[in-house]
Amino acid sequence: MQTALPCVLMRAGTSRGPFFLAADLPADPPTRDAVLLAAMGSAHPLQVDGLGGGNPLTSKVAIVSPSAHPDADVDYLFAQVAVDRQVVDTAPNCGNMLAGVGPFAIEAGLVAARAAVTTVRVRNVNTGALVEARVQTPGGTVTYEGTAAIPGVAGTAAPIELRFRRIAGARTGRLFPTGRRQESLDGVPATLIDCATPVMLLPAAALGVDAGACPAVIEADRALMDRIEALRLAAGRRMGLGDVRASVLPKPVLLGPAADATLAARYFTPHTVHRAMAVTGGLAIAAAARLAGTVAAELAAPGDAVRLRHPAGVLDVALEVAGEEVAWAGVVRTARRLFEGKVLVPARIWPGREAADRRRERPLPAAA
């Protein structure tokens, strides 16, 4: 027997994964995570028994529900489902998957569409960040067709403008969790910043690598990858995140100067190099680039807006920084609804809400 769960498969930014209504999933996190692992086909390097694409960027899940927060219309819980391990991580946010939340919420009937453009106010449950998503809705209907192009995605689509607020200290409660804008990790200069997501910023040159290097070249250098992971574990402890061996946070970032952008950046996920740039990671890098004394600021070209050169192109980030405060930061993404239907998971993992309710209501057998 199998349990059928309604879902919508979406390409959101440079990521892809199923979008679920929270009401269609188990309420308790352990059972919910078991369902997500089965739905995605983890743990298997190809995820052949599920919806996952065998890559961290295509093994993501968005869970959406109406929000009780006075400044939000919907809540969005992001889940990173490990490809080759039985692990579901809900610690980070994902700004790329966030690009699909607005269209999904409108088409699911959680937010009423307006003429021309509909603003969906989203609360990220993982971090508490508040985001406004401006979705193109000509004639009161979501459209995915348009002329906006983003690096890492072929063709063009309708723009989705994302403006993030309250992102400083998203996970740790402090923009600079250690109280320092720059410090040394095993002799390597580092900035540990928590803005939209916790990241460890490192000058690529300090590790003997080019910040513009091909991801495959970086990943092939096992000694380099092992050293970056050792630095990440140390950064996790300093940032108050504890033992982060089983967590994707903090994310490592290698930085360097760029001829045609503010910075060249290689963002890790954390054990592979992102083939483009995570939105939340881009926000953290951009904020650091405009805060004096950080590793990023020392390498960055001057200017107001920040352009980050990554393996697939350039991410443009607009932001307002005032002293120690990051008032807001924004990017443009695109999304596309790919498939809608039901994903099937074994009933032994979860029999479905009605069957589970019947089991709970079933009277206990009389004592002998």
Foldseek 3Di string as FASTA:
>chain_A
DWDWFWWFWKQFFLATDTEHEPVFADPDVVLRLLQLCQQQQPQDCCSPRHQAGNDQRHSKYWYKYADPDPQFGIEIFIWRQDHNDSDIDRQADFPRVVRVPVLVCCVVVSDFFDAQWDWGWYQYPNQRKIKIKIAGQHVRHGFFADQDDDFNDPDHTDKIKIKIFPFFCRRLNHQQLLPAQWDAQVNWIWGFGGGSHTEIEGAQVSLPDDLQDDQVVCLVPVVNLVVQVVSQQVSCVSSVNHRCPVPQPPWYKHWAADPPFFIEIFIPSHNGTDQFDTPSRVRSLQVSCPAPPHPNVVHTDDDQWGWYQYNRGIWIKHWDDDHRDTGMIMGMGGMDGDDIDIRIGHCVSPVTDVVVVVVVPDDDDDDD
